[in-house]
Structure formats: C-alpha cells, structure tokens
Amino acid sequence: AAVFEVALAAEVVSWATGRFLAEYTGLRPLI
C-alpha cells in the first residue's frame, strides 16, 4: 500500500552519526 525508502532513513542515520561523532570522547574508531 505504501513504500518508505530505507535510503531516506540512511540519510537520517548519517546525520545522527555525524553529530554523535562530534561529541564522542571514547575509544576510536567507532564501528
């Protein structure tokens, strides 16, 4: 009946990961 692109959620995840990395102080690299 409808389609929701996982690619759209991937953009959201990329944004959230970038923000998290900017404040992350733990061991690197994050996986």
PDB file of all heavy atoms in Angstrom:
ATOM      1  N   ALA A   1       0.817  -1.207   0.000  1.00  0.00           N
ATOM      2  CA  ALA A   1       0.000   0.000   0.000  1.00  0.00           C
ATOM      3  C   ALA A   1       0.852   1.259   0.000  1.00  0.00           C
ATOM      4  O   ALA A   1       0.411   2.322  -0.459  1.00  0.00           O
ATOM      5  CB  ALA A   1      -0.918  -0.002   1.216  1.00  0.00           C
ATOM      6  N   ALA A   2       2.070   1.158   0.509  1.00  0.00           N
ATOM      7  CA  ALA A   2       2.960   2.311   0.583  1.00  0.00           C
ATOM      8  C   ALA A   2       4.399   1.830   0.609  1.00  0.00           C
ATOM      9  O   ALA A   2       4.673   0.645   0.849  1.00  0.00           O
ATOM     10  CB  ALA A   2       2.657   3.148   1.828  1.00  0.00           C
ATOM     11  N   VAL A   3       5.307   2.770   0.350  1.00  0.00           N
ATOM     12  CA  VAL A   3       6.733   2.465   0.357  1.00  0.00           C
ATOM     13  C   VAL A   3       7.451   3.524   1.178  1.00  0.00           C
ATOM     14  O   VAL A   3       7.182   4.724   1.030  1.00  0.00           O
ATOM     15  CB  VAL A   3       7.313   2.462  -1.077  1.00  0.00           C
ATOM     16  CG1 VAL A   3       8.809   2.168  -1.040  1.00  0.00           C
ATOM     17  CG2 VAL A   3       6.593   1.442  -1.946  1.00  0.00           C
ATOM     18  N   PHE A   4       8.339   3.082   2.062  1.00  0.00           N
ATOM     19  CA  PHE A   4       9.210   4.016   2.790  1.00  0.00           C
ATOM     20  C   PHE A   4      10.650   3.585   2.516  1.00  0.00           C
ATOM     21  O   PHE A   4      11.035   2.459   2.837  1.00  0.00           O
ATOM     22  CB  PHE A   4       8.938   3.985   4.292  1.00  0.00           C
ATOM     23  CG  PHE A   4       9.609   5.113   5.032  1.00  0.00           C
ATOM     24  CD1 PHE A   4       8.910   6.254   5.387  1.00  0.00           C
ATOM     25  CD2 PHE A   4      10.962   5.058   5.355  1.00  0.00           C
ATOM     26  CE1 PHE A   4       9.525   7.303   6.055  1.00  0.00           C
ATOM     27  CE2 PHE A   4      11.598   6.097   6.010  1.00  0.00           C
ATOM     28  CZ  PHE A   4      10.872   7.228   6.360  1.00  0.00           C
ATOM     29  N   GLU A   5      11.405   4.471   1.908  1.00  0.00           N
ATOM     30  CA  GLU A   5      12.766   4.130   1.493  1.00  0.00           C
ATOM     31  C   GLU A   5      13.718   4.033   2.690  1.00  0.00           C
ATOM     32  O   GLU A   5      13.839   4.994   3.464  1.00  0.00           O
ATOM     33  CB  GLU A   5      13.291   5.183   0.523  1.00  0.00           C
ATOM     34  CG  GLU A   5      12.457   5.358  -0.732  1.00  0.00           C
ATOM     35  CD  GLU A   5      12.691   6.712  -1.361  1.00  0.00           C
ATOM     36  OE1 GLU A   5      13.829   6.971  -1.825  1.00  0.00           O
ATOM     37  OE2 GLU A   5      11.745   7.519  -1.372  1.00  0.00           O
ATOM     38  N   VAL A   6      14.391   2.902   2.801  1.00  0.00           N
ATOM     39  CA  VAL A   6      15.426   2.769   3.831  1.00  0.00           C
ATOM     40  C   VAL A   6      16.553   3.764   3.557  1.00  0.00           C
ATOM     41  O   VAL A   6      17.223   4.229   4.478  1.00  0.00           O
ATOM     42  CB  VAL A   6      15.964   1.324   3.875  1.00  0.00           C
ATOM     43  CG1 VAL A   6      17.121   1.201   4.864  1.00  0.00           C
ATOM     44  CG2 VAL A   6      14.848   0.355   4.254  1.00  0.00           C
ATOM     45  N   ALA A   7      16.724   4.131   2.297  1.00  0.00           N
ATOM     46  CA  ALA A   7      17.739   5.120   1.932  1.00  0.00           C
ATOM     47  C   ALA A   7      17.474   6.465   2.597  1.00  0.00           C
ATOM     48  O   ALA A   7      18.410   7.193   2.943  1.00  0.00           O
ATOM     49  CB  ALA A   7      17.791   5.285   0.413  1.00  0.00           C
ATOM     50  N   LEU A   8      16.192   6.796   2.772  1.00  0.00           N
ATOM     51  CA  LEU A   8      15.862   8.047   3.446  1.00  0.00           C
ATOM     52  C   LEU A   8      16.275   7.977   4.920  1.00  0.00           C
ATOM     53  O   LEU A   8      16.837   8.924   5.474  1.00  0.00           O
ATOM     54  CB  LEU A   8      14.366   8.317   3.330  1.00  0.00           C
ATOM     55  CG  LEU A   8      13.898   9.724   3.742  1.00  0.00           C
ATOM     56  CD1 LEU A   8      14.430  10.766   2.777  1.00  0.00           C
ATOM     57  CD2 LEU A   8      12.370   9.783   3.795  1.00  0.00           C
ATOM     58  N   ALA A   9      16.017   6.826   5.535  1.00  0.00           N
ATOM     59  CA  ALA A   9      16.443   6.633   6.925  1.00  0.00           C
ATOM     60  C   ALA A   9      17.961   6.614   7.029  1.00  0.00           C
ATOM     61  O   ALA A   9      18.524   7.037   8.047  1.00  0.00           O
ATOM     62  CB  ALA A   9      15.860   5.330   7.472  1.00  0.00           C
ATOM     63  N   ALA A  10      18.644   6.142   5.975  1.00  0.00           N
ATOM     64  CA  ALA A  10      20.106   6.135   5.972  1.00  0.00           C
ATOM     65  C   ALA A  10      20.659   7.561   6.036  1.00  0.00           C
ATOM     66  O   ALA A  10      21.676   7.823   6.674  1.00  0.00           O
ATOM     67  CB  ALA A  10      20.632   5.417   4.735  1.00  0.00           C
ATOM     68  N   GLU A  11      19.995   8.489   5.368  1.00  0.00           N
ATOM     69  CA  GLU A  11      20.403   9.888   5.465  1.00  0.00           C
ATOM     70  C   GLU A  11      20.262  10.383   6.903  1.00  0.00           C
ATOM     71  O   GLU A  11      21.122  11.120   7.406  1.00  0.00           O
ATOM     72  CB  GLU A  11      19.561  10.749   4.528  1.00  0.00           C
ATOM     73  CG  GLU A  11      19.842  10.520   3.049  1.00  0.00           C
ATOM     74  CD  GLU A  11      19.175  11.557   2.159  1.00  0.00           C
ATOM     75  OE1 GLU A  11      18.841  12.652   2.663  1.00  0.00           O
ATOM     76  OE2 GLU A  11      18.998  11.279   0.965  1.00  0.00           O
ATOM     77  N   VAL A  12      19.188   9.980   7.542  1.00  0.00           N
ATOM     78  CA  VAL A  12      18.968  10.375   8.939  1.00  0.00           C
ATOM     79  C   VAL A  12      20.057   9.784   9.836  1.00  0.00           C
ATOM     80  O   VAL A  12      20.605  10.469  10.713  1.00  0.00           O
ATOM     81  CB  VAL A  12      17.571   9.909   9.414  1.00  0.00           C
ATOM     82  CG1 VAL A  12      17.367  10.247  10.885  1.00  0.00           C
ATOM     83  CG2 VAL A  12      16.478  10.538   8.557  1.00  0.00           C
ATOM     84  N   VAL A  13      20.384   8.510   9.611  1.00  0.00           N
ATOM     85  CA  VAL A  13      21.425   7.855  10.405  1.00  0.00           C
ATOM     86  C   VAL A  13      22.775   8.530  10.190  1.00  0.00           C
ATOM     87  O   VAL A  13      23.547   8.721  11.132  1.00  0.00           O
ATOM     88  CB  VAL A  13      21.497   6.351  10.051  1.00  0.00           C
ATOM     89  CG1 VAL A  13      22.750   5.704  10.657  1.00  0.00           C
ATOM     90  CG2 VAL A  13      20.258   5.629  10.541  1.00  0.00           C
ATOM     91  N   SER A  14      23.077   8.894   8.958  1.00  0.00           N
ATOM     92  CA  SER A  14      24.334   9.587   8.669  1.00  0.00           C
ATOM     93  C   SER A  14      24.403  10.901   9.435  1.00  0.00           C
ATOM     94  O   SER A  14      25.450  11.252  10.006  1.00  0.00           O
ATOM     95  CB  SER A  14      24.463   9.852   7.165  1.00  0.00           C
ATOM     96  OG  SER A  14      24.510   8.648   6.443  1.00  0.00           O
ATOM     97  N   TRP A  15      23.305  11.618   9.449  1.00  0.00           N
ATOM     98  CA  TRP A  15      23.260  12.885  10.191  1.00  0.00           C
ATOM     99  C   TRP A  15      23.477  12.637  11.690  1.00  0.00           C
ATOM    100  O   TRP A  15      24.289  13.307  12.333  1.00  0.00           O
ATOM    101  CB  TRP A  15      21.913  13.569   9.966  1.00  0.00           C
ATOM    102  CG  TRP A  15      21.779  14.867  10.711  1.00  0.00           C
ATOM    103  CD1 TRP A  15      22.155  16.112  10.294  1.00  0.00           C
ATOM    104  CD2 TRP A  15      21.250  15.035  12.033  1.00  0.00           C
ATOM    105  NE1 TRP A  15      21.897  17.047  11.261  1.00  0.00           N
ATOM    106  CE2 TRP A  15      21.337  16.410  12.350  1.00  0.00           C
ATOM    107  CE3 TRP A  15      20.710  14.176  12.971  1.00  0.00           C
ATOM    108  CZ2 TRP A  15      20.898  16.930  13.565  1.00  0.00           C
ATOM    109  CZ3 TRP A  15      20.290  14.680  14.193  1.00  0.00           C
ATOM    110  CH2 TRP A  15      20.384  16.046  14.476  1.00  0.00           C
ATOM    111  N   ALA A  16      22.757  11.647  12.251  1.00  0.00           N
ATOM    112  CA  ALA A  16      22.864  11.361  13.681  1.00  0.00           C
ATOM    113  C   ALA A  16      24.266  10.876  14.048  1.00  0.00           C
ATOM    114  O   ALA A  16      24.817  11.248  15.095  1.00  0.00           O
ATOM    115  CB  ALA A  16      21.821  10.319  14.084  1.00  0.00           C
ATOM    116  N   THR A  17      24.872  10.052  13.178  1.00  0.00           N
ATOM    117  CA  THR A  17      26.220   9.548  13.439  1.00  0.00           C
ATOM    118  C   THR A  17      27.233  10.680  13.441  1.00  0.00           C
ATOM    119  O   THR A  17      28.138  10.733  14.283  1.00  0.00           O
ATOM    120  CB  THR A  17      26.612   8.496  12.387  1.00  0.00           C
ATOM    121  OG1 THR A  17      25.672   7.420  12.416  1.00  0.00           O
ATOM    122  CG2 THR A  17      28.009   7.945  12.660  1.00  0.00           C
ATOM    123  N   GLY A  18      27.079  11.599  12.492  1.00  0.00           N
ATOM    124  CA  GLY A  18      27.980  12.746  12.439  1.00  0.00           C
ATOM    125  C   GLY A  18      27.902  13.580  13.702  1.00  0.00           C
ATOM    126  O   GLY A  18      28.938  14.019  14.240  1.00  0.00           O
ATOM    127  N   ARG A  19      26.696  13.799  14.192  1.00  0.00           N
ATOM    128  CA  ARG A  19      26.526  14.584  15.430  1.00  0.00           C
ATOM    129  C   ARG A  19      27.094  13.828  16.628  1.00  0.00           C
ATOM    130  O   ARG A  19      27.714  14.414  17.515  1.00  0.00           O
ATOM    131  CB  ARG A  19      25.037  14.900  15.658  1.00  0.00           C
ATOM    132  CG  ARG A  19      24.431  15.810  14.599  1.00  0.00           C
ATOM    133  CD  ARG A  19      25.182  17.149  14.527  1.00  0.00           C
ATOM    134  NE  ARG A  19      24.743  17.977  13.415  1.00  0.00           N
ATOM    135  CZ  ARG A  19      25.187  17.869  12.176  1.00  0.00           C
ATOM    136  NH1 ARG A  19      26.057  16.929  11.847  1.00  0.00           N
ATOM    137  NH2 ARG A  19      24.763  18.694  11.246  1.00  0.00           N
ATOM    138  N   PHE A  20      26.882  12.537  16.668  1.00  0.00           N
ATOM    139  CA  PHE A  20      27.408  11.746  17.785  1.00  0.00           C
ATOM    140  C   PHE A  20      28.933  11.753  17.785  1.00  0.00           C
ATOM    141  O   PHE A  20      29.569  11.911  18.833  1.00  0.00           O
ATOM    142  CB  PHE A  20      26.882  10.317  17.714  1.00  0.00           C
ATOM    143  CG  PHE A  20      27.347   9.450  18.845  1.00  0.00           C
ATOM    144  CD1 PHE A  20      26.715   9.485  20.074  1.00  0.00           C
ATOM    145  CD2 PHE A  20      28.444   8.602  18.693  1.00  0.00           C
ATOM    146  CE1 PHE A  20      27.155   8.697  21.136  1.00  0.00           C
ATOM    147  CE2 PHE A  20      28.887   7.811  19.742  1.00  0.00           C
ATOM    148  CZ  PHE A  20      28.242   7.868  20.969  1.00  0.00           C
ATOM    149  N   LEU A  21      29.534  11.577  16.602  1.00  0.00           N
ATOM    150  CA  LEU A  21      30.996  11.575  16.495  1.00  0.00           C
ATOM    151  C   LEU A  21      31.608  12.885  16.951  1.00  0.00           C
ATOM    152  O   LEU A  21      32.698  12.909  17.538  1.00  0.00           O
ATOM    153  CB  LEU A  21      31.411  11.295  15.052  1.00  0.00           C
ATOM    154  CG  LEU A  21      31.589   9.837  14.632  1.00  0.00           C
ATOM    155  CD1 LEU A  21      31.858   9.755  13.135  1.00  0.00           C
ATOM    156  CD2 LEU A  21      32.700   9.164  15.419  1.00  0.00           C
ATOM    157  N   ALA A  22      30.905  13.975  16.687  1.00  0.00           N
ATOM    158  CA  ALA A  22      31.426  15.292  17.051  1.00  0.00           C
ATOM    159  C   ALA A  22      31.574  15.445  18.565  1.00  0.00           C
ATOM    160  O   ALA A  22      32.417  16.201  19.044  1.00  0.00           O
ATOM    161  CB  ALA A  22      30.517  16.387  16.495  1.00  0.00           C
ATOM    162  N   GLU A  23      30.776  14.706  19.330  1.00  0.00           N
ATOM    163  CA  GLU A  23      30.805  14.807  20.795  1.00  0.00           C
ATOM    164  C   GLU A  23      31.416  13.574  21.463  1.00  0.00           C
ATOM    165  O   GLU A  23      31.617  13.555  22.678  1.00  0.00           O
ATOM    166  CB  GLU A  23      29.384  15.006  21.321  1.00  0.00           C
ATOM    167  CG  GLU A  23      28.700  16.262  20.773  1.00  0.00           C
ATOM    168  CD  GLU A  23      27.255  16.371  21.215  1.00  0.00           C
ATOM    169  OE1 GLU A  23      26.806  15.473  21.975  1.00  0.00           O
ATOM    170  OE2 GLU A  23      26.584  17.342  20.820  1.00  0.00           O
ATOM    171  N   TYR A  24      31.735  12.570  20.679  1.00  0.00           N
ATOM    172  CA  TYR A  24      32.213  11.292  21.215  1.00  0.00           C
ATOM    173  C   TYR A  24      33.646  11.420  21.733  1.00  0.00           C
ATOM    174  O   TYR A  24      34.538  11.925  21.038  1.00  0.00           O
ATOM    175  CB  TYR A  24      32.145  10.238  20.111  1.00  0.00           C
ATOM    176  CG  TYR A  24      32.660   8.873  20.488  1.00  0.00           C
ATOM    177  CD1 TYR A  24      32.028   8.105  21.462  1.00  0.00           C
ATOM    178  CD2 TYR A  24      33.786   8.341  19.854  1.00  0.00           C
ATOM    179  CE1 TYR A  24      32.491   6.845  21.792  1.00  0.00           C
ATOM    180  CE2 TYR A  24      34.255   7.072  20.170  1.00  0.00           C
ATOM    181  CZ  TYR A  24      33.603   6.335  21.141  1.00  0.00           C
ATOM    182  OH  TYR A  24      34.071   5.087  21.464  1.00  0.00           O
ATOM    183  N   THR A  25      33.855  10.962  22.963  1.00  0.00           N
ATOM    184  CA  THR A  25      35.189  11.059  23.582  1.00  0.00           C
ATOM    185  C   THR A  25      35.765   9.699  23.946  1.00  0.00           C
ATOM    186  O   THR A  25      36.808   9.611  24.590  1.00  0.00           O
ATOM    187  CB  THR A  25      35.126  11.928  24.853  1.00  0.00           C
ATOM    188  OG1 THR A  25      34.173  11.347  25.775  1.00  0.00           O
ATOM    189  CG2 THR A  25      34.712  13.355  24.522  1.00  0.00           C
ATOM    190  N   GLY A  26      35.101   8.629  23.525  1.00  0.00           N
ATOM    191  CA  GLY A  26      35.569   7.287  23.862  1.00  0.00           C
ATOM    192  C   GLY A  26      36.646   6.795  22.914  1.00  0.00           C
ATOM    193  O   GLY A  26      37.231   7.556  22.138  1.00  0.00           O
ATOM    194  N   LEU A  27      36.904   5.488  22.989  1.00  0.00           N
ATOM    195  CA  LEU A  27      37.925   4.874  22.143  1.00  0.00           C
ATOM    196  C   LEU A  27      37.552   4.997  20.671  1.00  0.00           C
ATOM    197  O   LEU A  27      36.387   4.869  20.297  1.00  0.00           O
ATOM    198  CB  LEU A  27      38.092   3.397  22.510  1.00  0.00           C
ATOM    199  CG  LEU A  27      38.713   3.088  23.876  1.00  0.00           C
ATOM    200  CD1 LEU A  27      38.624   1.597  24.168  1.00  0.00           C
ATOM    201  CD2 LEU A  27      40.159   3.549  23.909  1.00  0.00           C
ATOM    202  N   ARG A  28      38.556   5.250  19.874  1.00  0.00           N
ATOM    203  CA  ARG A  28      38.341   5.336  18.427  1.00  0.00           C
ATOM    204  C   ARG A  28      39.129   4.227  17.740  1.00  0.00           C
ATOM    205  O   ARG A  28      40.142   3.784  18.257  1.00  0.00           O
ATOM    206  CB  ARG A  28      38.758   6.715  17.905  1.00  0.00           C
ATOM    207  CG  ARG A  28      37.835   7.807  18.427  1.00  0.00           C
ATOM    208  CD  ARG A  28      38.083   9.147  17.764  1.00  0.00           C
ATOM    209  NE  ARG A  28      37.221  10.148  18.376  1.00  0.00           N
ATOM    210  CZ  ARG A  28      36.308  10.881  17.746  1.00  0.00           C
ATOM    211  NH1 ARG A  28      36.146  10.718  16.434  1.00  0.00           N
ATOM    212  NH2 ARG A  28      35.566  11.755  18.372  1.00  0.00           N
ATOM    213  N   PRO A  29      38.642   3.792  16.591  1.00  0.00           N
ATOM    214  CA  PRO A  29      37.491   4.287  15.848  1.00  0.00           C
ATOM    215  C   PRO A  29      36.178   3.694  16.347  1.00  0.00           C
ATOM    216  O   PRO A  29      36.141   2.607  16.925  1.00  0.00           O
ATOM    217  CB  PRO A  29      37.774   3.807  14.426  1.00  0.00           C
ATOM    218  CG  PRO A  29      38.514   2.527  14.622  1.00  0.00           C
ATOM    219  CD  PRO A  29      39.376   2.750  15.837  1.00  0.00           C
ATOM    220  N   LEU A  30      35.097   4.430  16.099  1.00  0.00           N
ATOM    221  CA  LEU A  30      33.763   3.899  16.305  1.00  0.00           C
ATOM    222  C   LEU A  30      33.446   2.985  15.124  1.00  0.00           C
ATOM    223  O   LEU A  30      33.874   3.255  14.003  1.00  0.00           O
ATOM    224  CB  LEU A  30      32.767   5.057  16.366  1.00  0.00           C
ATOM    225  CG  LEU A  30      31.477   4.851  17.163  1.00  0.00           C
ATOM    226  CD1 LEU A  30      31.805   4.645  18.636  1.00  0.00           C
ATOM    227  CD2 LEU A  30      30.548   6.055  16.979  1.00  0.00           C
ATOM    228  N   ILE A  31      32.714   1.913  15.381  1.00  0.00           N
ATOM    229  CA  ILE A  31      32.415   0.924  14.329  1.00  0.00           C
ATOM    230  C   ILE A  31      30.933   0.982  13.990  1.00  0.00           C
ATOM    231  O   ILE A  31      30.081   0.992  14.876  1.00  0.00           O
ATOM    232  CB  ILE A  31      32.792  -0.489  14.798  1.00  0.00           C
ATOM    233  CG1 ILE A  31      34.265  -0.544  15.233  1.00  0.00           C
ATOM    234  CG2 ILE A  31      32.534  -1.516  13.686  1.00  0.00           C
ATOM    235  CD1 ILE A  31      34.637  -1.803  15.978  1.00  0.00           C
TER     236      ILE A  31
END
